[in-house]
Amino acid sequence: MAIGIIGIANNSWGAGASDSYAYVSQMDPLRGGSLKVSIAMAADVPWPNALATFTPFGYAAVANEPAITPITGPGLPLPMATFKTMAARPSSSSCR
């Protein structure tokens, strides 16, 4: 019991590893309907294979596009995106 309390009290509550970051960062693209994340600045840098510089762990470059996509499965991010959508406040443009 004490170990559980200490573990919960000292948890970072952040997405810090490659898998957890990929899961958490998939939520908004899933809500938007596409898992591609555009990295427009990759086309502007002067070195070869620039997209690899902007690709975090847990993601892969999309072929022939300045975009990345997650390589982790959507099993966990999908319910997280659903709950985020259900809990989201309406935008100011839809409140009248």
Foldseek 3Di string as FASTA:
>chain_A
DVVVVVCVVPDPPDQDDLVSVQLVVQLVCVVVPHQKDADVCQVVDDDPPSLVVVADRQWDQDPPGRIIGGPDDNPRSVVVSVVCVVPDDDDPVVPD
